[in-house]
């Protein structure tokens, strides 16, 4: 006889969405702080990178990297919230989280894969730009956007299997107050209640082989290429630094040579920033790549070791996506200068707006007080304007009346004006009652 879930209530331990202490400590307490810091820093990065005069090819790619990191941090937040009892026991949060957990993981993997290929593209672009500057100048912005669209589409297709790699069956216990879900792999040979797998063989094969393709083209190949290109980039930087030192110490200086040297120094600074970001990315992402690849081929003896490794590498990934703002500030003087300039300009604009609003409010208050103050004379109210007019000298009043009379004389009928077309008076509105 099957147990009716409506008549059975789960215990608090059964309702917990995470029971391991290490996962609760790292993902539940440290990750939310990193998400807040990283999201704020990436917004600042976007503000500076997309400012007028800063939209170069490298900055556009770096801005896309910041957007992908922000998406990763936002979709990581529900997993961190699930470690708190106030959310784990909430009916609406459980319905949302358990029903969309696999979709959240799919978006996380998609944004992470896009970030890996964007970092590789940035590194290669800088390597080509510092070795062949003319090729970068010939590149058009349309090609950059087309490349970004290709990266997003390719990584989306490679990670799309995560949306339906697990089949989650949700049931509501305890008279409809405790939603709970059980997730089974789509390619599992054993199904719930010893039934046969209801999914078609084509879907099972797709889900079975997609992780291997994903591990190859989303993890292994781009990470290896990033490491190699970053090594070539560092080597090129050191060679360029020696060349710039020789050029500085030489006594022959022409205007064209000076211009070329300045351009090379600018390229050198941008490349140093990119090199710092790529190095940090490699250090924080490589362990997660190793764990992801080994998880499908190597079985650990104790399940706790897998929890420790996955939690630690996930924490390192979040740290890497939160440090971009710090790396920009530490490695780029131009970024710091532009950030300080934009901050000062916005503060000055805010102060000016506030001062203007205060002045307008004061002027309005003064005008209201001027017109509202009245004096009473012979039982009727007279405003200050009328009082001031009564105090004016008579000669001034007479001159004013003469001026008014002269103004009246200046008005000439429309038909007597020269140089203007005549107007048919029958078309004008009648003044007779």
Protein backbone atom coordinates (compact mmCIF):
# COMPACT_ATOMS: atom_id res chain seq x y z
CA UNK A 1 0.00 0.00 0.00
CA UNK A 2 1.49 3.32 -1.06
CA UNK A 3 1.95 5.96 1.58
CA UNK A 4 -0.12 9.10 1.07
CA UNK A 5 2.32 12.07 1.26
CA UNK A 6 -0.47 14.38 2.46
CA UNK A 7 -0.79 12.38 5.67
CA UNK A 8 2.94 12.21 6.36
CA UNK A 9 4.97 15.10 7.83
CA UNK A 10 8.72 15.41 7.32
CA UNK A 11 11.05 16.15 10.21
CA UNK A 12 13.20 19.28 10.31
CA UNK A 13 16.29 17.27 9.41
CA UNK A 14 14.52 15.76 6.41
CA UNK A 15 13.50 19.21 5.22
CA UNK A 16 17.01 20.65 5.39
CA UNK A 17 18.42 21.37 1.95
CA UNK A 18 22.01 20.90 3.14
CA UNK A 19 23.25 18.98 6.17
CA UNK A 20 27.05 19.07 5.81
CA UNK A 21 28.77 21.54 8.14
CA UNK A 22 31.55 22.50 5.66
CA UNK A 23 29.10 23.32 2.90
CA UNK A 24 26.93 25.32 5.30
CA UNK A 25 29.96 27.29 6.54
CA UNK A 26 31.45 28.10 3.13
CA UNK A 27 28.38 28.43 0.90
CA UNK A 28 26.01 29.70 3.58
CA UNK A 29 28.14 32.32 5.33
CA UNK A 30 31.11 33.35 3.18
CA UNK A 31 29.62 33.15 -0.31
CA UNK A 32 26.80 35.75 0.30
CA UNK A 33 29.39 38.33 1.36
CA UNK A 34 31.45 37.61 -1.74
CA UNK A 35 28.34 37.86 -3.91
CA UNK A 36 27.53 41.31 -2.53
CA UNK A 37 31.11 42.51 -2.93
CA UNK A 38 31.55 41.01 -6.40
CA UNK A 39 28.24 42.27 -7.77
CA UNK A 40 28.95 45.82 -6.58
CA UNK A 41 32.49 45.72 -7.97
CA UNK A 42 31.35 44.46 -11.38
CA UNK A 43 28.76 47.24 -11.59
CA UNK A 44 31.56 49.76 -10.99
CA UNK A 45 33.64 48.01 -13.64
CA UNK A 46 30.82 48.33 -16.16
CA UNK A 47 30.37 52.01 -15.31
CA UNK A 48 34.02 52.74 -16.09
CA UNK A 49 34.55 50.36 -19.01
CA UNK A 50 31.45 51.55 -20.89
CA UNK A 51 32.03 55.25 -20.23
CA UNK A 52 32.38 57.59 -23.24
CA UNK A 53 35.88 57.39 -24.65
CA UNK A 54 36.59 53.98 -23.09
CA UNK A 55 34.82 51.65 -25.54
CA UNK A 56 37.77 49.81 -27.01
CA UNK A 57 37.70 46.18 -28.12
CA UNK A 58 39.43 45.01 -24.95
CA UNK A 59 37.07 47.02 -22.74
CA UNK A 60 34.00 45.62 -24.49
CA UNK A 61 35.22 42.07 -23.91
CA UNK A 62 36.05 42.89 -20.29
CA UNK A 63 32.56 44.37 -19.86
CA UNK A 64 31.01 41.16 -21.19
CA UNK A 65 33.15 39.21 -18.73
CA UNK A 66 31.82 41.40 -15.92
CA UNK A 67 28.23 40.75 -17.04
CA UNK A 68 28.79 36.97 -17.10
CA UNK A 69 30.32 37.13 -13.62
CA UNK A 70 27.33 39.12 -12.35
CA UNK A 71 24.92 36.53 -13.77
CA UNK A 72 26.90 33.77 -12.07
CA UNK A 73 26.81 35.58 -8.71
CA UNK A 74 23.08 36.31 -8.94
CA UNK A 75 22.17 32.70 -9.72
CA UNK A 76 24.51 31.50 -6.99
CA UNK A 77 22.53 33.40 -4.36
CA UNK A 78 19.56 30.93 -4.09
CA UNK A 79 22.02 28.10 -3.36
CA UNK A 80 23.51 30.17 -0.53
CA UNK A 81 20.04 31.07 0.80
CA UNK A 82 19.07 27.39 0.92
CA UNK A 83 21.48 26.86 3.84
CA UNK A 84 19.42 29.07 6.18
CA UNK A 85 16.46 27.51 8.05
CA UNK A 86 14.29 30.57 7.45
CA UNK A 87 14.42 29.79 3.71
CA UNK A 88 14.76 26.01 3.92
CA UNK A 89 11.45 25.72 5.82
CA UNK A 90 9.64 28.36 3.74
CA UNK A 91 6.88 26.94 1.53
CA UNK A 92 7.33 29.41 -1.33
CA UNK A 93 11.13 29.25 -1.34
CA UNK A 94 11.07 25.44 -1.41
CA UNK A 95 8.61 25.46 -4.30
CA UNK A 96 10.80 27.85 -6.26
CA UNK A 97 14.16 26.31 -5.38
CA UNK A 98 13.26 22.63 -5.72
CA UNK A 99 11.32 23.20 -8.92
CA UNK A 100 14.07 25.26 -10.60
CA UNK A 101 17.27 23.95 -9.05
CA UNK A 102 18.48 22.27 -12.23
CA UNK A 103 17.75 25.38 -14.29
CA UNK A 104 19.73 27.49 -11.81
CA UNK A 105 22.65 25.08 -12.11
CA UNK A 106 22.38 25.18 -15.92
CA UNK A 107 22.61 28.99 -15.97
CA UNK A 108 25.58 28.84 -13.57
CA UNK A 109 27.40 26.45 -15.87
CA UNK A 110 26.49 28.52 -18.93
CA UNK A 111 27.81 31.78 -17.45
CA UNK A 112 30.94 30.04 -16.20
CA UNK A 113 31.60 28.49 -19.63
CA UNK A 114 31.05 31.85 -21.34
CA UNK A 115 33.46 33.49 -18.89
CA UNK A 116 36.16 30.90 -19.67
CA UNK A 117 35.94 31.51 -23.42
CA UNK A 118 35.75 35.28 -22.93
CA UNK A 119 38.93 35.20 -20.86
CA UNK A 120 40.61 33.17 -23.58
CA UNK A 121 39.42 35.66 -26.21
CA UNK A 122 40.67 38.62 -24.16
CA UNK A 123 44.05 37.00 -23.66
CA UNK A 124 44.46 36.15 -27.35
CA UNK A 125 43.27 39.61 -28.38
CA UNK A 126 45.88 41.25 -26.16
CA UNK A 127 48.57 38.89 -27.39
CA UNK A 128 47.76 39.77 -31.01
CA UNK A 129 47.36 43.45 -30.17
CA UNK A 130 50.75 43.76 -28.52
CA UNK A 131 52.54 41.78 -31.25
CA UNK A 132 50.64 43.16 -34.26
CA UNK A 133 49.13 46.55 -33.33
CA UNK A 134 47.91 47.31 -36.86
CA UNK A 135 45.66 44.25 -36.94
CA UNK A 136 43.80 45.49 -33.86
CA UNK A 137 43.29 48.93 -35.38
CA UNK A 138 41.76 47.39 -38.49
CA UNK A 139 39.31 45.33 -36.43
CA UNK A 140 35.75 46.67 -36.36
CA UNK A 141 33.32 46.72 -33.49
CA UNK A 142 30.87 44.62 -35.52
CA UNK A 143 33.35 41.75 -35.50
CA UNK A 144 33.68 42.03 -31.72
CA UNK A 145 29.93 41.81 -31.16
CA UNK A 146 29.69 38.92 -33.60
CA UNK A 147 32.44 37.09 -31.72
CA UNK A 148 30.66 37.67 -28.39
CA UNK A 149 27.40 36.36 -29.83
CA UNK A 150 29.21 33.27 -31.10
CA UNK A 151 30.74 32.58 -27.68
CA UNK A 152 27.40 32.94 -25.91
CA UNK A 153 25.62 30.70 -28.43
CA UNK A 154 28.31 28.01 -28.44
CA UNK A 155 28.57 27.78 -24.64
CA UNK A 156 24.79 27.81 -24.33
CA UNK A 157 24.52 24.79 -26.62
CA UNK A 158 27.33 22.95 -24.83
CA UNK A 159 25.71 23.40 -21.39
CA UNK A 160 22.07 23.07 -22.45
CA UNK A 161 21.88 19.44 -21.33
CA UNK A 162 21.96 20.60 -17.68
CA UNK A 163 18.34 21.76 -17.95
CA UNK A 164 17.03 18.21 -18.25
CA UNK A 165 19.90 15.98 -17.09
CA UNK A 166 17.87 15.20 -13.95
CA UNK A 167 14.17 14.45 -13.63
CA UNK A 168 12.84 15.89 -10.38
CA UNK A 169 9.57 14.58 -8.95
CA UNK A 170 8.00 16.99 -6.47
CA UNK A 171 5.46 15.96 -3.85
CA UNK A 172 3.81 17.92 -1.07
CA UNK A 173 3.71 16.41 2.41
CA UNK A 174 1.87 17.24 5.64
CA UNK A 175 -1.45 18.43 4.23
CA UNK A 176 0.15 20.50 1.47
CA UNK A 177 2.58 22.45 3.70
CA UNK A 178 5.89 20.68 3.03
CA UNK A 179 6.99 20.52 -0.64
CA UNK A 180 9.82 18.08 -1.28
CA UNK A 181 11.55 16.75 -4.41
CA UNK A 182 13.50 13.69 -5.44
CA UNK A 183 15.80 14.03 -8.47
CA UNK A 184 16.90 11.08 -10.59
CA UNK A 185 19.43 11.10 -13.46
CA UNK A 186 17.72 10.86 -16.82
CA UNK A 187 20.11 8.12 -17.98
CA UNK A 188 19.72 6.07 -14.78
CA UNK A 189 18.97 2.36 -15.44
CA UNK A 190 16.96 2.16 -12.19
CA UNK A 191 13.89 4.36 -11.72
CA UNK A 192 11.61 5.24 -8.83
CA UNK A 193 9.57 2.33 -7.38
CA UNK A 194 11.56 -0.14 -9.54
CA UNK A 195 9.90 1.09 -12.71
CA UNK A 196 11.56 1.29 -16.11
CA UNK A 197 13.07 4.55 -17.25
CA UNK A 198 10.32 6.43 -19.13
CA UNK A 199 12.70 8.66 -21.15
CA UNK A 200 13.64 7.80 -24.75
CA UNK A 201 17.01 6.27 -25.53
CA UNK A 202 18.08 9.25 -27.65
CA UNK A 203 17.64 11.62 -24.70
CA UNK A 204 19.51 9.23 -22.42
CA UNK A 205 22.41 9.03 -24.86
CA UNK A 206 22.48 12.83 -25.23
CA UNK A 207 22.58 13.33 -21.46
CA UNK A 208 25.16 10.55 -21.03
CA UNK A 209 27.66 11.92 -23.55
CA UNK A 210 27.12 15.67 -23.11
CA UNK A 211 29.16 15.91 -19.87
CA UNK A 212 32.18 14.43 -21.67
CA UNK A 213 31.88 16.94 -24.51
CA UNK A 214 31.35 19.70 -21.98
CA UNK A 215 34.44 18.66 -20.01
CA UNK A 216 36.51 18.71 -23.20
CA UNK A 217 35.37 21.95 -24.88
CA UNK A 218 34.26 24.00 -21.88
CA UNK A 219 36.82 22.99 -19.26
CA UNK A 220 39.94 21.24 -20.55
CA UNK A 221 40.63 22.90 -23.91
CA UNK A 222 39.97 26.55 -22.90
CA UNK A 223 41.86 26.21 -19.62
CA UNK A 224 44.92 24.80 -21.40
CA UNK A 225 44.74 27.51 -24.05
CA UNK A 226 44.36 30.20 -21.39
CA UNK A 227 47.43 28.96 -19.55
CA UNK A 228 49.51 28.84 -22.75
CA UNK A 229 48.36 32.22 -24.06
CA UNK A 230 48.91 33.80 -20.66
CA UNK A 231 52.44 32.42 -20.57
CA UNK A 232 53.14 33.86 -24.04
CA UNK A 233 51.58 37.14 -22.91
CA UNK A 234 53.86 37.38 -19.87
CA UNK A 235 56.88 36.57 -22.04
CA UNK A 236 55.88 39.25 -24.55
CA UNK A 237 55.44 41.77 -21.75
CA UNK A 238 58.94 41.15 -20.49
CA UNK A 239 60.40 41.54 -23.99
CA UNK A 240 58.43 44.73 -24.54
CA UNK A 241 59.59 46.10 -21.20
CA UNK A 242 63.23 45.60 -22.21
CA UNK A 243 62.57 47.28 -25.55
CA UNK A 244 60.96 50.28 -23.85
CA UNK A 245 63.90 50.62 -21.48
CA UNK A 246 66.33 50.62 -24.40
CA UNK A 247 64.19 53.19 -26.23
CA UNK A 248 64.09 55.42 -23.15
CA UNK A 249 67.85 55.29 -22.61
CA UNK A 250 68.66 56.04 -26.26
CA UNK A 251 69.55 59.63 -27.13
CA UNK A 252 67.91 59.72 -30.57
CA UNK A 253 64.33 60.84 -30.22
CA UNK A 254 62.07 61.79 -33.09
CA UNK A 255 58.44 62.84 -32.89
CA UNK A 256 57.22 59.68 -34.62
CA UNK A 257 59.36 57.53 -32.34
CA UNK A 258 57.94 59.29 -29.28
CA UNK A 259 54.40 58.71 -30.51
CA UNK A 260 55.12 55.04 -31.13
CA UNK A 261 56.67 54.72 -27.68
CA UNK A 262 53.63 56.30 -26.02
CA UNK A 263 51.32 53.97 -27.93
CA UNK A 264 53.41 50.98 -26.89
CA UNK A 265 53.33 52.06 -23.26
CA UNK A 266 49.53 52.35 -23.38
CA UNK A 267 49.28 48.87 -24.89
CA UNK A 268 51.67 47.68 -22.19
CA UNK A 269 49.44 48.98 -19.38
CA UNK A 270 46.29 47.41 -20.84
CA UNK A 271 48.12 44.12 -21.30
CA UNK A 272 49.33 44.14 -17.69
CA UNK A 273 45.72 44.50 -16.48
CA UNK A 274 44.56 41.68 -18.74
CA UNK A 275 47.46 39.51 -17.62
CA UNK A 276 46.54 40.03 -13.95
CA UNK A 277 42.89 39.12 -14.60
CA UNK A 278 43.80 36.03 -16.61
CA UNK A 279 46.30 34.85 -13.99
CA UNK A 280 43.76 35.22 -11.19
CA UNK A 281 41.16 33.47 -13.32
CA UNK A 282 43.49 30.55 -13.97
CA UNK A 283 44.37 30.14 -10.30
CA UNK A 284 40.76 30.22 -9.12
CA UNK A 285 39.15 28.25 -11.96
CA UNK A 286 41.70 25.51 -12.64
CA UNK A 287 40.98 23.49 -9.45
CA UNK A 288 37.27 23.46 -10.25
CA UNK A 289 38.08 22.26 -13.77
CA UNK A 290 40.19 19.40 -12.41
CA UNK A 291 37.43 18.35 -9.99
CA UNK A 292 34.80 18.55 -12.74
CA UNK A 293 36.79 16.35 -15.10
CA UNK A 294 37.85 13.84 -12.46
CA UNK A 295 34.33 13.51 -11.01
CA UNK A 296 33.14 11.71 -14.14
CA UNK A 297 36.03 9.26 -14.29
CA UNK A 298 37.39 8.82 -10.73
CA UNK A 299 35.24 7.61 -7.83
CA UNK A 300 36.37 8.75 -4.40
CA UNK A 301 36.22 6.30 -1.52
CA UNK A 302 34.40 8.50 1.00
CA UNK A 303 31.56 10.82 -0.04
CA UNK A 304 32.70 13.51 2.41
CA UNK A 305 35.84 14.06 0.37
CA UNK A 306 33.78 14.91 -2.67
CA UNK A 307 31.76 17.42 -0.64
CA UNK A 308 34.95 19.04 0.64
CA UNK A 309 36.47 19.28 -2.83
CA UNK A 310 33.36 20.54 -4.62
CA UNK A 311 32.58 23.11 -1.91
CA UNK A 312 36.17 24.40 -1.77
CA UNK A 313 36.53 24.71 -5.54
CA UNK A 314 33.13 26.41 -5.82
CA UNK A 315 34.25 28.91 -3.20
CA UNK A 316 37.41 29.59 -5.19
CA UNK A 317 35.34 30.21 -8.34
CA UNK A 318 33.18 32.75 -6.49
CA UNK A 319 36.31 34.44 -5.12
CA UNK A 320 37.74 34.73 -8.62
CA UNK A 321 34.57 36.30 -9.99
CA UNK A 322 34.50 38.80 -7.10
CA UNK A 323 38.10 40.02 -7.43
CA UNK A 324 37.89 41.67 -10.87
CA UNK A 325 37.26 45.11 -9.36
CA UNK A 326 40.24 44.73 -7.01
CA UNK A 327 42.45 43.62 -9.90
CA UNK A 328 41.38 46.59 -12.02
CA UNK A 329 42.17 49.01 -9.19
CA UNK A 330 45.55 47.45 -8.42
CA UNK A 331 46.84 46.97 -11.96
CA UNK A 332 45.40 49.88 -13.96
CA UNK A 333 46.25 53.49 -13.14
CA UNK A 334 43.96 54.65 -15.96
CA UNK A 335 41.05 52.77 -14.38
CA UNK A 336 41.72 54.36 -10.99
CA UNK A 337 42.01 57.82 -12.49
CA UNK A 338 38.82 57.45 -14.52
CA UNK A 339 36.95 56.07 -11.51
CA UNK A 340 38.04 58.98 -9.29
CA UNK A 341 37.17 61.52 -12.01
CA UNK A 342 33.70 60.05 -12.57
CA UNK A 343 33.03 59.89 -8.83
CA UNK A 344 34.02 63.53 -8.32
CA UNK A 345 31.93 64.64 -11.29
CA UNK A 346 28.85 62.85 -9.96
CA UNK A 347 29.36 64.29 -6.46
CA UNK A 348 29.70 67.81 -7.87
CA UNK A 349 26.60 67.30 -10.03
CA UNK A 350 24.64 66.05 -7.04
CA UNK A 351 25.72 69.00 -4.91
CA UNK A 352 24.86 71.45 -7.68
CA UNK A 353 21.43 69.87 -8.15
CA UNK A 354 20.79 69.91 -4.42
CA UNK A 355 21.91 73.54 -4.14
CA UNK A 356 19.74 74.54 -7.10
CA UNK A 357 16.72 72.81 -5.58
CA UNK A 358 17.37 74.51 -2.24
CA UNK A 359 17.70 77.91 -3.94
CA UNK A 360 14.49 77.35 -5.89
CA UNK A 361 12.69 76.31 -2.73
CA UNK A 362 13.99 79.38 -0.91
CA UNK A 363 12.94 81.70 -3.74
CA UNK A 364 9.48 80.15 -3.82
CA UNK A 365 9.13 80.50 -0.06
CA UNK A 366 10.25 84.15 -0.19
CA UNK A 367 7.81 84.96 -2.99
CA UNK A 368 4.97 83.27 -1.16
CA UNK A 369 5.78 85.14 2.04
CA UNK A 370 6.02 88.44 0.10
CA UNK A 371 2.57 88.04 -1.44
CA UNK A 372 0.92 86.51 1.62
CA UNK A 373 1.85 89.28 4.05
CA UNK A 374 -0.99 91.85 3.89
CA UNK A 375 -1.90 94.92 5.80
CA UNK A 376 -5.37 95.91 6.76
CA UNK A 377 -6.64 99.41 6.05
CA UNK A 378 -10.28 100.55 6.60
CA UNK A 379 -11.41 96.93 6.95
CA UNK A 380 -10.01 95.64 3.63
CA UNK A 381 -6.82 93.72 2.82
CA UNK A 382 -4.09 95.43 0.83
CA UNK A 383 -1.03 93.51 -0.33
CA UNK A 384 2.49 94.82 0.00
CA UNK A 385 2.53 95.61 -3.69
CA UNK A 386 -0.39 97.97 -3.34
CA UNK A 387 1.21 99.50 -0.26
CA UNK A 388 4.44 100.08 -2.17
CA UNK A 389 2.51 101.59 -5.07
CA UNK A 390 0.70 103.97 -2.73
CA UNK A 391 4.04 105.16 -1.37
CA UNK A 392 5.45 106.03 -4.79
CA UNK A 393 5.78 109.76 -5.65
CA UNK A 394 2.99 111.33 -7.65
CA UNK A 395 5.33 112.38 -10.44
CA UNK A 396 6.35 108.81 -10.94
CA UNK A 397 2.68 107.78 -11.02
CA UNK A 398 1.91 110.49 -13.57
CA UNK A 399 4.82 109.47 -15.76
CA UNK A 400 3.62 105.91 -15.58
CA UNK A 401 0.13 106.93 -16.70
CA UNK A 402 1.58 108.96 -19.57
CA UNK A 403 3.69 105.98 -20.65
CA UNK A 404 0.64 103.77 -20.58
CA UNK A 405 -1.25 106.26 -22.75
CA UNK A 406 1.63 106.39 -25.20
CA UNK A 407 1.71 102.61 -25.34
CA UNK A 408 -1.97 102.58 -26.19
CA UNK A 409 -1.37 105.02 -29.03
CA UNK A 410 1.28 102.76 -30.50
CA UNK A 411 -1.22 100.03 -31.36
CA UNK A 412 -2.20 100.37 -35.03
CA UNK A 413 -5.05 98.52 -36.73
CA UNK A 414 -3.85 95.49 -38.60
CA UNK A 415 -5.09 96.70 -41.97
CA UNK A 416 -3.07 99.95 -41.65
CA UNK A 417 0.26 98.18 -41.16
CA UNK A 418 2.61 98.41 -44.10
CA UNK A 419 4.64 95.51 -45.29
CA UNK A 420 2.14 92.97 -44.01
CA UNK A 421 -0.61 91.08 -45.82
CA UNK A 422 -4.14 92.32 -45.35
CA UNK A 423 -6.52 90.24 -43.29
CA UNK A 424 -10.15 89.91 -44.27
CA UNK A 425 -12.06 91.27 -41.28
CA UNK A 426 -15.01 89.08 -42.10
CA UNK A 427 -12.88 86.10 -41.16
CA UNK A 428 -12.11 87.52 -37.73
CA UNK A 429 -14.39 86.60 -34.81
CA UNK A 430 -17.27 89.03 -34.34
CA UNK A 431 -17.27 91.32 -31.29
CA UNK A 432 -21.02 92.03 -31.34
CA UNK A 433 -23.19 90.35 -28.78
